[in-house]
Amino acid sequence: MTKYYFIGYFLMFPLVYIVSSFIWRFVIKSYDLAEVLTDTLSITAIYYVLISILFVLFGNKIHKREAS
C-alpha cells in the first residue's frame, strides 16, 4: 500500500498539476511559455520538498499499520 501512496504523491499529483497548469495558463490564458514553466516547476519543487518531508515522517507509520 505504501507503494500506491508513493506513486500518487510523487508521480500522479505532480503530473496532473503540471499538465493542468500548462493547459490553463499557456493554452487558455495565453501566458508566456517561459513564465508558465518556471512558475509550475517552482511550485512542483516546493511540493516535492514538503511531501518528501511528510513521507519520511509518516511513511514508517503507514508501513507499520499495513504490517499489522
N, C-alpha and C. Protein backbone atom coordinates (compact mmCIF):
# COMPACT_ATOMS: atom_id res chain seq x y z
N MET A 1 0.82 -1.19 0.00
CA MET A 1 0.00 0.00 0.00
C MET A 1 0.86 1.26 0.00
N THR A 2 2.03 1.21 0.65
CA THR A 2 2.93 2.36 0.67
C THR A 2 3.36 2.70 -0.74
N LYS A 3 3.48 1.67 -1.58
CA LYS A 3 3.87 1.89 -2.97
C LYS A 3 2.83 2.77 -3.68
N TYR A 4 1.55 2.56 -3.39
CA TYR A 4 0.50 3.34 -4.03
C TYR A 4 0.50 4.78 -3.53
N TYR A 5 0.78 4.98 -2.25
CA TYR A 5 0.93 6.34 -1.73
C TYR A 5 2.07 7.05 -2.45
N PHE A 6 3.19 6.34 -2.58
CA PHE A 6 4.35 6.92 -3.25
C PHE A 6 4.02 7.29 -4.69
N ILE A 7 3.39 6.40 -5.42
CA ILE A 7 3.03 6.68 -6.82
C ILE A 7 2.08 7.86 -6.90
N GLY A 8 1.11 7.90 -6.02
CA GLY A 8 0.16 9.01 -6.04
C GLY A 8 0.78 10.34 -5.71
N TYR A 9 1.55 10.39 -4.63
CA TYR A 9 2.11 11.65 -4.17
C TYR A 9 3.30 12.14 -5.00
N PHE A 10 4.10 11.22 -5.53
CA PHE A 10 5.31 11.62 -6.23
C PHE A 10 5.18 11.59 -7.75
N LEU A 11 4.18 10.92 -8.29
CA LEU A 11 4.03 10.88 -9.74
C LEU A 11 2.71 11.46 -10.23
N MET A 12 1.60 10.95 -9.72
CA MET A 12 0.30 11.32 -10.26
C MET A 12 -0.09 12.77 -9.95
N PHE A 13 -0.05 13.16 -8.70
CA PHE A 13 -0.46 14.53 -8.33
C PHE A 13 0.40 15.59 -9.01
N PRO A 14 1.74 15.46 -9.00
CA PRO A 14 2.54 16.48 -9.70
C PRO A 14 2.29 16.51 -11.21
N LEU A 15 2.13 15.35 -11.83
CA LEU A 15 1.88 15.33 -13.27
C LEU A 15 0.53 15.96 -13.61
N VAL A 16 -0.48 15.66 -12.82
CA VAL A 16 -1.79 16.27 -13.04
C VAL A 16 -1.69 17.79 -12.87
N TYR A 17 -0.97 18.23 -11.87
CA TYR A 17 -0.80 19.67 -11.65
C TYR A 17 -0.06 20.32 -12.82
N ILE A 18 1.03 19.72 -13.25
CA ILE A 18 1.83 20.30 -14.33
C ILE A 18 1.01 20.39 -15.62
N VAL A 19 0.33 19.31 -15.96
CA VAL A 19 -0.46 19.31 -17.19
C VAL A 19 -1.62 20.29 -17.11
N SER A 20 -2.35 20.28 -15.99
CA SER A 20 -3.49 21.19 -15.88
C SER A 20 -3.05 22.65 -15.84
N SER A 21 -1.95 22.94 -15.15
CA SER A 21 -1.45 24.31 -15.10
C SER A 21 -0.98 24.76 -16.48
N PHE A 22 -0.29 23.87 -17.19
CA PHE A 22 0.17 24.21 -18.53
C PHE A 22 -1.02 24.48 -19.46
N ILE A 23 -2.02 23.62 -19.41
CA ILE A 23 -3.20 23.81 -20.27
C ILE A 23 -3.92 25.10 -19.91
N TRP A 24 -4.12 25.35 -18.62
CA TRP A 24 -4.86 26.53 -18.20
C TRP A 24 -4.11 27.82 -18.51
N ARG A 25 -2.84 27.87 -18.13
CA ARG A 25 -2.12 29.14 -18.23
C ARG A 25 -1.54 29.39 -19.62
N PHE A 26 -1.07 28.36 -20.31
CA PHE A 26 -0.44 28.57 -21.62
C PHE A 26 -1.46 28.52 -22.75
N VAL A 27 -2.33 27.52 -22.73
CA VAL A 27 -3.26 27.33 -23.83
C VAL A 27 -4.47 28.26 -23.70
N ILE A 28 -5.10 28.28 -22.53
CA ILE A 28 -6.35 29.03 -22.38
C ILE A 28 -6.08 30.52 -22.13
N LYS A 29 -5.18 30.83 -21.20
CA LYS A 29 -4.96 32.23 -20.85
C LYS A 29 -3.84 32.89 -21.66
N SER A 30 -3.11 32.13 -22.45
CA SER A 30 -2.07 32.63 -23.37
C SER A 30 -0.94 33.37 -22.67
N TYR A 31 -0.48 32.85 -21.55
CA TYR A 31 0.71 33.41 -20.90
C TYR A 31 1.95 32.93 -21.65
N ASP A 32 3.06 33.59 -21.38
CA ASP A 32 4.33 33.22 -21.99
C ASP A 32 4.77 31.84 -21.50
N LEU A 33 5.30 31.03 -22.41
CA LEU A 33 5.69 29.66 -22.08
C LEU A 33 6.76 29.62 -20.99
N ALA A 34 7.73 30.51 -21.05
CA ALA A 34 8.80 30.52 -20.04
C ALA A 34 8.24 30.84 -18.66
N GLU A 35 7.30 31.76 -18.58
CA GLU A 35 6.69 32.11 -17.30
C GLU A 35 5.89 30.94 -16.74
N VAL A 36 5.15 30.27 -17.60
CA VAL A 36 4.35 29.12 -17.16
C VAL A 36 5.25 28.01 -16.66
N LEU A 37 6.31 27.71 -17.40
CA LEU A 37 7.21 26.63 -17.00
C LEU A 37 7.93 26.94 -15.69
N THR A 38 8.45 28.15 -15.54
CA THR A 38 9.18 28.47 -14.31
C THR A 38 8.24 28.47 -13.10
N ASP A 39 7.05 29.03 -13.25
CA ASP A 39 6.10 29.03 -12.13
C ASP A 39 5.67 27.62 -11.76
N THR A 40 5.33 26.84 -12.75
CA THR A 40 4.85 25.47 -12.50
C THR A 40 5.93 24.60 -11.90
N LEU A 41 7.12 24.67 -12.45
CA LEU A 41 8.21 23.84 -11.93
C LEU A 41 8.66 24.30 -10.55
N SER A 42 8.59 25.59 -10.26
CA SER A 42 8.94 26.08 -8.92
C SER A 42 7.96 25.57 -7.88
N ILE A 43 6.68 25.65 -8.19
CA ILE A 43 5.67 25.15 -7.27
C ILE A 43 5.80 23.65 -7.09
N THR A 44 6.09 22.94 -8.16
CA THR A 44 6.27 21.49 -8.08
C THR A 44 7.49 21.15 -7.22
N ALA A 45 8.56 21.92 -7.32
CA ALA A 45 9.75 21.67 -6.50
C ALA A 45 9.45 21.88 -5.02
N ILE A 46 8.72 22.93 -4.69
CA ILE A 46 8.32 23.16 -3.30
C ILE A 46 7.44 22.03 -2.81
N TYR A 47 6.51 21.57 -3.66
CA TYR A 47 5.65 20.45 -3.31
C TYR A 47 6.49 19.20 -3.02
N TYR A 48 7.49 18.92 -3.86
CA TYR A 48 8.32 17.73 -3.66
C TYR A 48 9.08 17.80 -2.34
N VAL A 49 9.59 18.95 -1.99
CA VAL A 49 10.31 19.09 -0.72
C VAL A 49 9.37 18.82 0.45
N LEU A 50 8.20 19.45 0.43
CA LEU A 50 7.26 19.26 1.54
C LEU A 50 6.74 17.83 1.63
N ILE A 51 6.39 17.23 0.51
CA ILE A 51 5.83 15.88 0.54
C ILE A 51 6.93 14.86 0.89
N SER A 52 8.16 15.14 0.53
CA SER A 52 9.26 14.24 0.92
C SER A 52 9.44 14.24 2.43
N ILE A 53 9.37 15.42 3.03
CA ILE A 53 9.48 15.50 4.49
C ILE A 53 8.33 14.75 5.15
N LEU A 54 7.11 14.96 4.67
CA LEU A 54 5.96 14.26 5.23
C LEU A 54 6.05 12.76 5.01
N PHE A 55 6.54 12.34 3.86
CA PHE A 55 6.67 10.91 3.57
C PHE A 55 7.68 10.26 4.50
N VAL A 56 8.77 10.96 4.80
CA VAL A 56 9.77 10.43 5.73
C VAL A 56 9.20 10.34 7.14
N LEU A 57 8.47 11.36 7.55
CA LEU A 57 7.92 11.38 8.90
C LEU A 57 6.80 10.36 9.10
N PHE A 58 5.92 10.24 8.13
CA PHE A 58 4.74 9.39 8.29
C PHE A 58 4.80 8.08 7.51
N GLY A 59 5.83 7.89 6.70
CA GLY A 59 5.95 6.67 5.91
C GLY A 59 6.08 5.42 6.77
N ASN A 60 6.84 5.51 7.85
CA ASN A 60 7.01 4.36 8.74
C ASN A 60 5.71 4.02 9.44
N LYS A 61 4.93 5.01 9.82
CA LYS A 61 3.64 4.76 10.48
C LYS A 61 2.68 4.05 9.54
N ILE A 62 2.69 4.44 8.28
CA ILE A 62 1.81 3.78 7.30
C ILE A 62 2.28 2.35 7.08
N HIS A 63 3.58 2.17 6.98
CA HIS A 63 4.13 0.82 6.75
C HIS A 63 3.85 -0.10 7.95
N LYS A 64 4.00 0.41 9.16
CA LYS A 64 3.73 -0.39 10.36
C LYS A 64 2.25 -0.75 10.47
N ARG A 65 1.37 0.19 10.10
CA ARG A 65 -0.06 -0.07 10.15
C ARG A 65 -0.46 -1.14 9.15
N GLU A 66 0.19 -1.16 7.99
CA GLU A 66 -0.11 -2.17 6.98
C GLU A 66 0.38 -3.55 7.43
N ALA A 67 1.49 -3.60 8.14
CA ALA A 67 2.06 -4.88 8.55
C ALA A 67 1.21 -5.57 9.64
N SER A 68 0.51 -4.79 10.41
CA SER A 68 -0.26 -5.40 11.50
C SER A 68 -1.66 -5.80 11.08
